[in-house]
Structures are given as C-alpha cells and as structure tokens.
C-alpha cells in the first residue's frame, strides 16, 4: 500500500447522501481513502468460487458460468474508521448482540444507492446498477525504480459518479486482464474484510483462514455490502 499523509476526520460525515444528492467537500473527499486489496473470488480468504453471480437483464436473471465466475476479479474496500472499528480493526462491544449493533451510516448510505447488504450465508452476488470501479494508473517512480512496484488507484463510484471509496493497490496485470474480459468486478465494502491483521501479528502470520473468518464475521454483524459492478479501465 502506498503511504499517504494521515488524515484525521469524523466518519459521521462521510459517504452520506443529502436530499437525494451527494454533497462532498474537499475535507470529505479525503475521507474516502480506505484499506484495499485485490484478489480473485475463489481465493481461500473469500471462498466465493461457488457463490452464484447473477446478472439481471431485461429478459430476466442470468446466472454466469460457474467455471468463469470462480475466478472473478474482486476488490475489497475496508473502512478505515466506522462503527466498532478501532486502530486494530473491528471490535464487537462486550456482551452485545446483533440487535444491539448501532447503525453504520456508511453501510446504510451505500444501500440507499443500491448496494446490497450481504447476510451471513449469502448464496449469490448480483449486479449493482450504476456503480463503477475505476482503475487508474498511479505510479510511484521511486518505488518503481527501487522495487519494481507499479500501483493502481481504485475508485468505487456511486451511480451519480461520486467516489464512495478509494484505495491504492499494486497493479496486477492478470487481475486487470480478467476484469477487462468480464467487464465486471466483485466489490465488497465493510468494516471487516480480513485486510488488517490483529494487533502485533505480522502479515505472514495473518493466514487465509483468519482472513476468511474475519470476512464472514463482518457479514454476520450486518456490516458488509457488495455485489459486482462495471469495471472501467484508465490504463
């Protein structure tokens, strides 16, 4: 992940539709930066290879071929700050039940724009009309010269064209080629998607199984939205 200046903010202001329109100041624009990761849907940290991918058309719902959707390119956007999220990730209040969970306004705002909340045991992912994922070159010359890294800026945009979430990831030609071939990318947004490692744990210690359990936990508490959205390549 490319290091950028730390921005302090109050998340109650971010990603909120106002009067049916999106009003975003410069301060709010900086607040859309989130943790991110790209991978494929059958990755052990997600295990979505057998989840149905459903495209709604004028003629009715079409289920995409299972052998293709196993390898559907997927982008994760994990909120830096949200209800229940501390410096080291999401923490369920002690003794709280699911009914006690406060409403997460970022999640509810996405749902107002057509995003779909993912329940604990969802069996399909559907096209979210109007949403787009834009992949934009964002090269870091010093990193590229020293380590050979090239980066992409991913912007998840709402139907009215505003940025809902933004992240930087190492550019993956295989992932981008798959996104171009399908024309769609699975996008998952929430408070816990298995990106951040627990306190004092290295990335090497943060196993795929632990990431998967975190992803499912986020769904279980109702704080994950997702579906597949149109992919727009700027390279």
C-alpha atoms as a PDB file:
ATOM      1  CA  UNK A   1       0.000   0.000   0.000  1.00  0.00           C
ATOM      2  CA  UNK A   2       1.324   3.430  -0.899  1.00  0.00           C
ATOM      3  CA  UNK A   3       1.910   5.580   2.171  1.00  0.00           C
ATOM      4  CA  UNK A   4       0.000   8.852   2.196  1.00  0.00           C
ATOM      5  CA  UNK A   5      -0.400  11.638   4.761  1.00  0.00           C
ATOM      6  CA  UNK A   6      -2.591  10.686   7.708  1.00  0.00           C
ATOM      7  CA  UNK A   7      -5.946  12.445   7.614  1.00  0.00           C
ATOM      8  CA  UNK A   8      -7.966  12.868  10.803  1.00  0.00           C
ATOM      9  CA  UNK A   9     -11.720  13.053  10.415  1.00  0.00           C
ATOM     10  CA  UNK A  10     -15.126  12.254  11.861  1.00  0.00           C
ATOM     11  CA  UNK A  11     -16.688   9.435   9.883  1.00  0.00           C
ATOM     12  CA  UNK A  12     -20.209  10.534  10.657  1.00  0.00           C
ATOM     13  CA  UNK A  13     -19.801  12.997   7.769  1.00  0.00           C
ATOM     14  CA  UNK A  14     -18.605  10.672   5.040  1.00  0.00           C
ATOM     15  CA  UNK A  15     -20.410   8.896   2.199  1.00  0.00           C
ATOM     16  CA  UNK A  16     -23.787  10.313   3.108  1.00  0.00           C
ATOM     17  CA  UNK A  17     -26.420  11.221   0.506  1.00  0.00           C
ATOM     18  CA  UNK A  18     -28.153  14.511   1.320  1.00  0.00           C
ATOM     19  CA  UNK A  19     -31.585  15.239  -0.064  1.00  0.00           C
ATOM     20  CA  UNK A  20     -31.097  12.573  -2.717  1.00  0.00           C
ATOM     21  CA  UNK A  21     -27.837  14.227  -3.884  1.00  0.00           C
ATOM     22  CA  UNK A  22     -24.228  13.653  -2.872  1.00  0.00           C
ATOM     23  CA  UNK A  23     -22.605  16.684  -1.250  1.00  0.00           C
ATOM     24  CA  UNK A  24     -18.872  16.247  -0.716  1.00  0.00           C
ATOM     25  CA  UNK A  25     -16.429  18.925   0.403  1.00  0.00           C
ATOM     26  CA  UNK A  26     -12.651  18.672  -0.033  1.00  0.00           C
ATOM     27  CA  UNK A  27     -12.412  17.512   3.589  1.00  0.00           C
ATOM     28  CA  UNK A  28     -14.932  14.744   2.954  1.00  0.00           C
ATOM     29  CA  UNK A  29     -13.201  13.769  -0.284  1.00  0.00           C
ATOM     30  CA  UNK A  30     -10.041  12.928   1.667  1.00  0.00           C
ATOM     31  CA  UNK A  31     -12.126  10.691   3.914  1.00  0.00           C
ATOM     32  CA  UNK A  32     -12.880   8.150   1.211  1.00  0.00           C
ATOM     33  CA  UNK A  33      -9.391   6.624   1.448  1.00  0.00           C
ATOM     34  CA  UNK A  34      -9.701   3.076   2.774  1.00  0.00           C
ATOM     35  CA  UNK A  35      -7.730  -0.131   3.175  1.00  0.00           C
ATOM     36  CA  UNK A  36      -7.871  -2.182  -0.008  1.00  0.00           C
ATOM     37  CA  UNK A  37      -6.890  -5.444  -1.603  1.00  0.00           C
ATOM     38  CA  UNK A  38      -7.429  -7.165  -4.942  1.00  0.00           C
ATOM     39  CA  UNK A  39      -7.724 -10.921  -5.427  1.00  0.00           C
ATOM     40  CA  UNK A  40      -9.948 -13.484  -7.146  1.00  0.00           C
ATOM     41  CA  UNK A  41     -13.273 -14.711  -5.824  1.00  0.00           C
ATOM     42  CA  UNK A  42     -12.071 -18.269  -5.239  1.00  0.00           C
ATOM     43  CA  UNK A  43      -9.196 -17.073  -3.024  1.00  0.00           C
ATOM     44  CA  UNK A  44      -9.110 -19.034   0.300  1.00  0.00           C
ATOM     45  CA  UNK A  45      -9.643 -15.746   2.151  1.00  0.00           C
ATOM     46  CA  UNK A  46     -13.064 -15.345   0.452  1.00  0.00           C
ATOM     47  CA  UNK A  47     -14.184 -18.758  -0.824  1.00  0.00           C
ATOM     48  CA  UNK A  48     -16.723 -17.290  -3.230  1.00  0.00           C
ATOM     49  CA  UNK A  49     -15.931 -19.705  -6.021  1.00  0.00           C
ATOM     50  CA  UNK A  50     -19.304 -21.448  -5.691  1.00  0.00           C
ATOM     51  CA  UNK A  51     -21.374 -18.365  -4.951  1.00  0.00           C
ATOM     52  CA  UNK A  52     -23.719 -17.621  -7.859  1.00  0.00           C
ATOM     53  CA  UNK A  53     -23.089 -14.495  -9.901  1.00  0.00           C
ATOM     54  CA  UNK A  54     -26.445 -13.210 -11.152  1.00  0.00           C
ATOM     55  CA  UNK A  55     -26.872 -10.617 -13.885  1.00  0.00           C
ATOM     56  CA  UNK A  56     -30.319  -9.012 -14.072  1.00  0.00           C
ATOM     57  CA  UNK A  57     -31.321  -8.227 -17.655  1.00  0.00           C
ATOM     58  CA  UNK A  58     -34.490  -7.023 -19.383  1.00  0.00           C
ATOM     59  CA  UNK A  59     -35.182 -10.661 -20.242  1.00  0.00           C
ATOM     60  CA  UNK A  60     -34.717 -11.819 -16.643  1.00  0.00           C
ATOM     61  CA  UNK A  61     -31.940 -13.008 -14.331  1.00  0.00           C
ATOM     62  CA  UNK A  62     -28.954 -14.747 -15.943  1.00  0.00           C
ATOM     63  CA  UNK A  63     -26.560 -16.847 -13.863  1.00  0.00           C
ATOM     64  CA  UNK A  64     -22.985 -16.556 -15.113  1.00  0.00           C
ATOM     65  CA  UNK A  65     -20.988 -19.689 -15.900  1.00  0.00           C
ATOM     66  CA  UNK A  66     -19.571 -21.199 -12.715  1.00  0.00           C
ATOM     67  CA  UNK A  67     -16.162 -22.011 -14.191  1.00  0.00           C
ATOM     68  CA  UNK A  68     -15.680 -18.360 -15.172  1.00  0.00           C
ATOM     69  CA  UNK A  69     -17.052 -16.771 -12.013  1.00  0.00           C
ATOM     70  CA  UNK A  70     -14.782 -18.877  -9.799  1.00  0.00           C
ATOM     71  CA  UNK A  71     -12.011 -16.573 -10.951  1.00  0.00           C
ATOM     72  CA  UNK A  72     -13.996 -13.337 -10.933  1.00  0.00           C
ATOM     73  CA  UNK A  73     -11.666 -10.410 -10.064  1.00  0.00           C
ATOM     74  CA  UNK A  74     -12.576  -8.999  -6.673  1.00  0.00           C
ATOM     75  CA  UNK A  75     -11.767  -5.712  -4.928  1.00  0.00           C
ATOM     76  CA  UNK A  76     -12.038  -5.210  -1.174  1.00  0.00           C
ATOM     77  CA  UNK A  77     -12.641  -1.833   0.464  1.00  0.00           C
ATOM     78  CA  UNK A  78     -12.320  -1.972   4.244  1.00  0.00           C
ATOM     79  CA  UNK A  79     -13.333   1.241   6.031  1.00  0.00           C
ATOM     80  CA  UNK A  80     -10.508   2.874   7.969  1.00  0.00           C
ATOM     81  CA  UNK A  81     -12.985   4.199  10.514  1.00  0.00           C
ATOM     82  CA  UNK A  82     -16.526   3.110  11.220  1.00  0.00           C
ATOM     83  CA  UNK A  83     -18.835   1.972  13.988  1.00  0.00           C
ATOM     84  CA  UNK A  84     -16.966  -0.549  16.141  1.00  0.00           C
ATOM     85  CA  UNK A  85     -13.654  -0.040  14.348  1.00  0.00           C
ATOM     86  CA  UNK A  86     -10.581   0.900  16.380  1.00  0.00           C
ATOM     87  CA  UNK A  87      -6.963   1.264  15.410  1.00  0.00           C
ATOM     88  CA  UNK A  88      -6.553  -2.506  15.049  1.00  0.00           C
ATOM     89  CA  UNK A  89      -9.839  -3.274  13.366  1.00  0.00           C
ATOM     90  CA  UNK A  90     -13.392  -4.153  14.298  1.00  0.00           C
ATOM     91  CA  UNK A  91     -14.260  -4.951  17.910  1.00  0.00           C
ATOM     92  CA  UNK A  92     -17.739  -6.160  18.854  1.00  0.00           C
ATOM     93  CA  UNK A  93     -18.893  -4.459  22.085  1.00  0.00           C
ATOM     94  CA  UNK A  94     -18.589  -6.871  25.002  1.00  0.00           C
ATOM     95  CA  UNK A  95     -21.877  -8.613  25.714  1.00  0.00           C
ATOM     96  CA  UNK A  96     -23.580  -7.031  22.703  1.00  0.00           C
ATOM     97  CA  UNK A  97     -25.930  -8.968  20.450  1.00  0.00           C
ATOM     98  CA  UNK A  98     -26.574  -8.339  16.774  1.00  0.00           C
ATOM     99  CA  UNK A  99     -29.699  -6.402  17.749  1.00  0.00           C
ATOM    100  CA  UNK A 100     -27.526  -4.086  19.847  1.00  0.00           C
ATOM    101  CA  UNK A 101     -25.246  -3.126  16.970  1.00  0.00           C
ATOM    102  CA  UNK A 102     -25.614   0.578  16.170  1.00  0.00           C
ATOM    103  CA  UNK A 103     -26.433   1.524  12.605  1.00  0.00           C
ATOM    104  CA  UNK A 104     -23.375   2.094  10.440  1.00  0.00           C
ATOM    105  CA  UNK A 105     -24.168   5.156   8.329  1.00  0.00           C
ATOM    106  CA  UNK A 106     -21.609   4.357   5.627  1.00  0.00           C
ATOM    107  CA  UNK A 107     -23.243   0.982   5.050  1.00  0.00           C
ATOM    108  CA  UNK A 108     -26.747   2.435   5.099  1.00  0.00           C
ATOM    109  CA  UNK A 109     -25.680   5.178   2.672  1.00  0.00           C
ATOM    110  CA  UNK A 110     -24.411   2.565   0.207  1.00  0.00           C
ATOM    111  CA  UNK A 111     -27.679   0.663   0.464  1.00  0.00           C
ATOM    112  CA  UNK A 112     -29.595   3.849  -0.358  1.00  0.00           C
ATOM    113  CA  UNK A 113     -27.549   3.978  -3.574  1.00  0.00           C
ATOM    114  CA  UNK A 114     -28.499   0.409  -4.466  1.00  0.00           C
ATOM    115  CA  UNK A 115     -25.757  -1.663  -2.810  1.00  0.00           C
ATOM    116  CA  UNK A 116     -26.813  -4.974  -1.311  1.00  0.00           C
ATOM    117  CA  UNK A 117     -26.187  -5.999   2.298  1.00  0.00           C
ATOM    118  CA  UNK A 118     -24.594  -9.456   2.461  1.00  0.00           C
ATOM    119  CA  UNK A 119     -26.151 -11.732   5.102  1.00  0.00           C
ATOM    120  CA  UNK A 120     -24.020 -14.356   6.894  1.00  0.00           C
ATOM    121  CA  UNK A 121     -24.801 -17.187   4.447  1.00  0.00           C
ATOM    122  CA  UNK A 122     -25.455 -15.461   1.147  1.00  0.00           C
ATOM    123  CA  UNK A 123     -25.677 -17.680  -1.918  1.00  0.00           C
ATOM    124  CA  UNK A 124     -25.458 -15.148  -4.748  1.00  0.00           C
ATOM    125  CA  UNK A 125     -23.907 -11.852  -5.758  1.00  0.00           C
ATOM    126  CA  UNK A 126     -25.846  -9.588  -8.096  1.00  0.00           C
ATOM    127  CA  UNK A 127     -25.047  -6.725 -10.421  1.00  0.00           C
ATOM    128  CA  UNK A 128     -25.380  -3.364  -8.672  1.00  0.00           C
ATOM    129  CA  UNK A 129     -26.721  -0.996 -11.373  1.00  0.00           C
ATOM    130  CA  UNK A 130     -24.943   2.304 -11.819  1.00  0.00           C
ATOM    131  CA  UNK A 131     -21.926   1.587  -9.607  1.00  0.00           C
ATOM    132  CA  UNK A 132     -18.492   1.504 -11.284  1.00  0.00           C
ATOM    133  CA  UNK A 133     -14.974   0.526 -10.300  1.00  0.00           C
ATOM    134  CA  UNK A 134     -12.331   2.703 -11.971  1.00  0.00           C
ATOM    135  CA  UNK A 135      -8.719   1.514 -12.157  1.00  0.00           C
ATOM    136  CA  UNK A 136      -6.377   4.465 -12.679  1.00  0.00           C
ATOM    137  CA  UNK A 137      -2.567   4.355 -13.099  1.00  0.00           C
ATOM    138  CA  UNK A 138      -0.843   5.899 -10.086  1.00  0.00           C
ATOM    139  CA  UNK A 139       2.853   5.311 -10.490  1.00  0.00           C
ATOM    140  CA  UNK A 140       5.356   5.958  -7.736  1.00  0.00           C
ATOM    141  CA  UNK A 141       8.675   6.479  -9.592  1.00  0.00           C
ATOM    142  CA  UNK A 142      10.939   5.976  -6.572  1.00  0.00           C
ATOM    143  CA  UNK A 143       9.226   2.730  -5.590  1.00  0.00           C
ATOM    144  CA  UNK A 144       9.216   1.534  -9.190  1.00  0.00           C
ATOM    145  CA  UNK A 145      12.918   2.214  -9.635  1.00  0.00           C
ATOM    146  CA  UNK A 146      13.907   0.595  -6.351  1.00  0.00           C
ATOM    147  CA  UNK A 147      11.491  -2.313  -6.037  1.00  0.00           C
ATOM    148  CA  UNK A 148       9.816  -2.633  -9.438  1.00  0.00           C
ATOM    149  CA  UNK A 149       6.392  -1.797  -7.994  1.00  0.00           C
ATOM    150  CA  UNK A 150       3.642  -0.186 -10.051  1.00  0.00           C
ATOM    151  CA  UNK A 151       0.391   0.893  -8.444  1.00  0.00           C
ATOM    152  CA  UNK A 152      -3.216   1.436  -9.393  1.00  0.00           C
ATOM    153  CA  UNK A 153      -5.698   3.742  -7.750  1.00  0.00           C
ATOM    154  CA  UNK A 154      -9.078   2.059  -7.405  1.00  0.00           C
ATOM    155  CA  UNK A 155     -12.116   4.304  -7.127  1.00  0.00           C
ATOM    156  CA  UNK A 156     -15.500   2.790  -6.342  1.00  0.00           C
ATOM    157  CA  UNK A 157     -18.071   5.268  -7.636  1.00  0.00           C
ATOM    158  CA  UNK A 158     -21.783   5.624  -6.933  1.00  0.00           C
ATOM    159  CA  UNK A 159     -24.401   5.893  -9.690  1.00  0.00           C
ATOM    160  CA  UNK A 160     -24.091   9.694  -9.666  1.00  0.00           C
ATOM    161  CA  UNK A 161     -20.362   9.486 -10.347  1.00  0.00           C
ATOM    162  CA  UNK A 162     -19.050  10.405  -6.890  1.00  0.00           C
ATOM    163  CA  UNK A 163     -16.322   8.414  -5.131  1.00  0.00           C
ATOM    164  CA  UNK A 164     -17.626   6.147  -2.394  1.00  0.00           C
ATOM    165  CA  UNK A 165     -14.294   4.524  -1.529  1.00  0.00           C
ATOM    166  CA  UNK A 166     -10.744   4.837  -2.817  1.00  0.00           C
ATOM    167  CA  UNK A 167      -7.636   2.728  -2.286  1.00  0.00           C
ATOM    168  CA  UNK A 168      -4.199   2.054  -3.757  1.00  0.00           C
ATOM    169  CA  UNK A 169      -3.065  -1.461  -4.687  1.00  0.00           C
ATOM    170  CA  UNK A 170      -0.095  -2.961  -6.549  1.00  0.00           C
ATOM    171  CA  UNK A 171      -1.065  -3.268 -10.202  1.00  0.00           C
ATOM    172  CA  UNK A 172      -1.770  -6.888 -11.164  1.00  0.00           C
ATOM    173  CA  UNK A 173      -1.862  -7.439 -14.958  1.00  0.00           C
ATOM    174  CA  UNK A 174      -3.623 -10.803 -14.571  1.00  0.00           C
ATOM    175  CA  UNK A 175      -6.337  -9.271 -12.381  1.00  0.00           C
ATOM    176  CA  UNK A 176      -6.793  -6.311 -14.744  1.00  0.00           C
ATOM    177  CA  UNK A 177      -6.968  -8.582 -17.795  1.00  0.00           C
ATOM    178  CA  UNK A 178      -9.697 -10.660 -16.128  1.00  0.00           C
ATOM    179  CA  UNK A 179     -11.616  -7.500 -15.222  1.00  0.00           C
ATOM    180  CA  UNK A 180     -11.457  -6.317 -18.829  1.00  0.00           C
ATOM    181  CA  UNK A 181     -12.549  -9.726 -20.126  1.00  0.00           C
ATOM    182  CA  UNK A 182     -15.566  -9.961 -17.799  1.00  0.00           C
ATOM    183  CA  UNK A 183     -16.431  -6.263 -17.833  1.00  0.00           C
ATOM    184  CA  UNK A 184     -17.367  -6.555 -14.159  1.00  0.00           C
ATOM    185  CA  UNK A 185     -15.591  -6.809 -10.812  1.00  0.00           C
ATOM    186  CA  UNK A 186     -16.910  -8.097  -7.492  1.00  0.00           C
ATOM    187  CA  UNK A 187     -16.691  -5.264  -4.941  1.00  0.00           C
ATOM    188  CA  UNK A 188     -17.013  -5.841  -1.211  1.00  0.00           C
ATOM    189  CA  UNK A 189     -17.158  -2.975   1.299  1.00  0.00           C
ATOM    190  CA  UNK A 190     -17.365  -3.107   5.055  1.00  0.00           C
ATOM    191  CA  UNK A 191     -15.792  -2.816   8.463  1.00  0.00           C
ATOM    192  CA  UNK A 192     -14.019  -6.169   8.413  1.00  0.00           C
ATOM    193  CA  UNK A 193     -12.887  -7.953   5.268  1.00  0.00           C
ATOM    194  CA  UNK A 194      -9.744  -9.642   6.539  1.00  0.00           C
ATOM    195  CA  UNK A 195      -7.316  -6.978   5.339  1.00  0.00           C
ATOM    196  CA  UNK A 196      -5.987  -5.705   8.659  1.00  0.00           C
ATOM    197  CA  UNK A 197      -4.020  -8.165  10.759  1.00  0.00           C
ATOM    198  CA  UNK A 198      -4.831  -8.367  14.503  1.00  0.00           C
ATOM    199  CA  UNK A 199      -2.634  -6.467  16.940  1.00  0.00           C
ATOM    200  CA  UNK A 200       1.049  -7.500  16.994  1.00  0.00           C
ATOM    201  CA  UNK A 201       0.548 -10.004  14.177  1.00  0.00           C
ATOM    202  CA  UNK A 202       2.621  -9.908  11.004  1.00  0.00           C
ATOM    203  CA  UNK A 203       1.183 -10.324   7.522  1.00  0.00           C
ATOM    204  CA  UNK A 204       2.859 -13.739   7.339  1.00  0.00           C
ATOM    205  CA  UNK A 205       1.037 -14.826  10.497  1.00  0.00           C
ATOM    206  CA  UNK A 206      -2.290 -13.498   9.207  1.00  0.00           C
ATOM    207  CA  UNK A 207      -3.469 -16.650   7.432  1.00  0.00           C
ATOM    208  CA  UNK A 208      -6.082 -17.030   4.699  1.00  0.00           C
ATOM    209  CA  UNK A 209      -8.313 -18.871   7.163  1.00  0.00           C
ATOM    210  CA  UNK A 210      -8.153 -15.950   9.598  1.00  0.00           C
ATOM    211  CA  UNK A 211      -8.972 -13.535   6.789  1.00  0.00           C
ATOM    212  CA  UNK A 212     -11.936 -15.670   5.768  1.00  0.00           C
ATOM    213  CA  UNK A 213     -13.253 -15.799   9.334  1.00  0.00           C
ATOM    214  CA  UNK A 214     -12.994 -12.004   9.596  1.00  0.00           C
ATOM    215  CA  UNK A 215     -14.861 -11.570   6.301  1.00  0.00           C
ATOM    216  CA  UNK A 216     -17.688 -13.835   7.464  1.00  0.00           C
ATOM    217  CA  UNK A 217     -17.807 -12.099  10.849  1.00  0.00           C
ATOM    218  CA  UNK A 218     -18.372  -8.774   9.106  1.00  0.00           C
ATOM    219  CA  UNK A 219     -21.281 -10.307   7.216  1.00  0.00           C
ATOM    220  CA  UNK A 220     -22.679 -11.816  10.422  1.00  0.00           C
ATOM    221  CA  UNK A 221     -22.943  -8.419  12.108  1.00  0.00           C
ATOM    222  CA  UNK A 222     -24.587  -6.854   9.045  1.00  0.00           C
ATOM    223  CA  UNK A 223     -21.680  -4.552   8.212  1.00  0.00           C
ATOM    224  CA  UNK A 224     -20.748  -5.768   4.733  1.00  0.00           C
ATOM    225  CA  UNK A 225     -22.230  -4.746   1.384  1.00  0.00           C
ATOM    226  CA  UNK A 226     -21.302  -5.929  -2.065  1.00  0.00           C
ATOM    227  CA  UNK A 227     -22.088  -7.185  -5.495  1.00  0.00           C
ATOM    228  CA  UNK A 228     -20.469  -6.953  -8.855  1.00  0.00           C
ATOM    229  CA  UNK A 229     -20.111  -3.639 -10.621  1.00  0.00           C
ATOM    230  CA  UNK A 230     -18.975  -2.378 -14.018  1.00  0.00           C
ATOM    231  CA  UNK A 231     -15.196  -2.100 -14.477  1.00  0.00           C
ATOM    232  CA  UNK A 232     -13.675   0.971 -16.131  1.00  0.00           C
ATOM    233  CA  UNK A 233     -10.006   0.813 -17.147  1.00  0.00           C
ATOM    234  CA  UNK A 234      -7.970   4.028 -17.485  1.00  0.00           C
ATOM    235  CA  UNK A 235      -4.646   2.434 -18.390  1.00  0.00           C
END
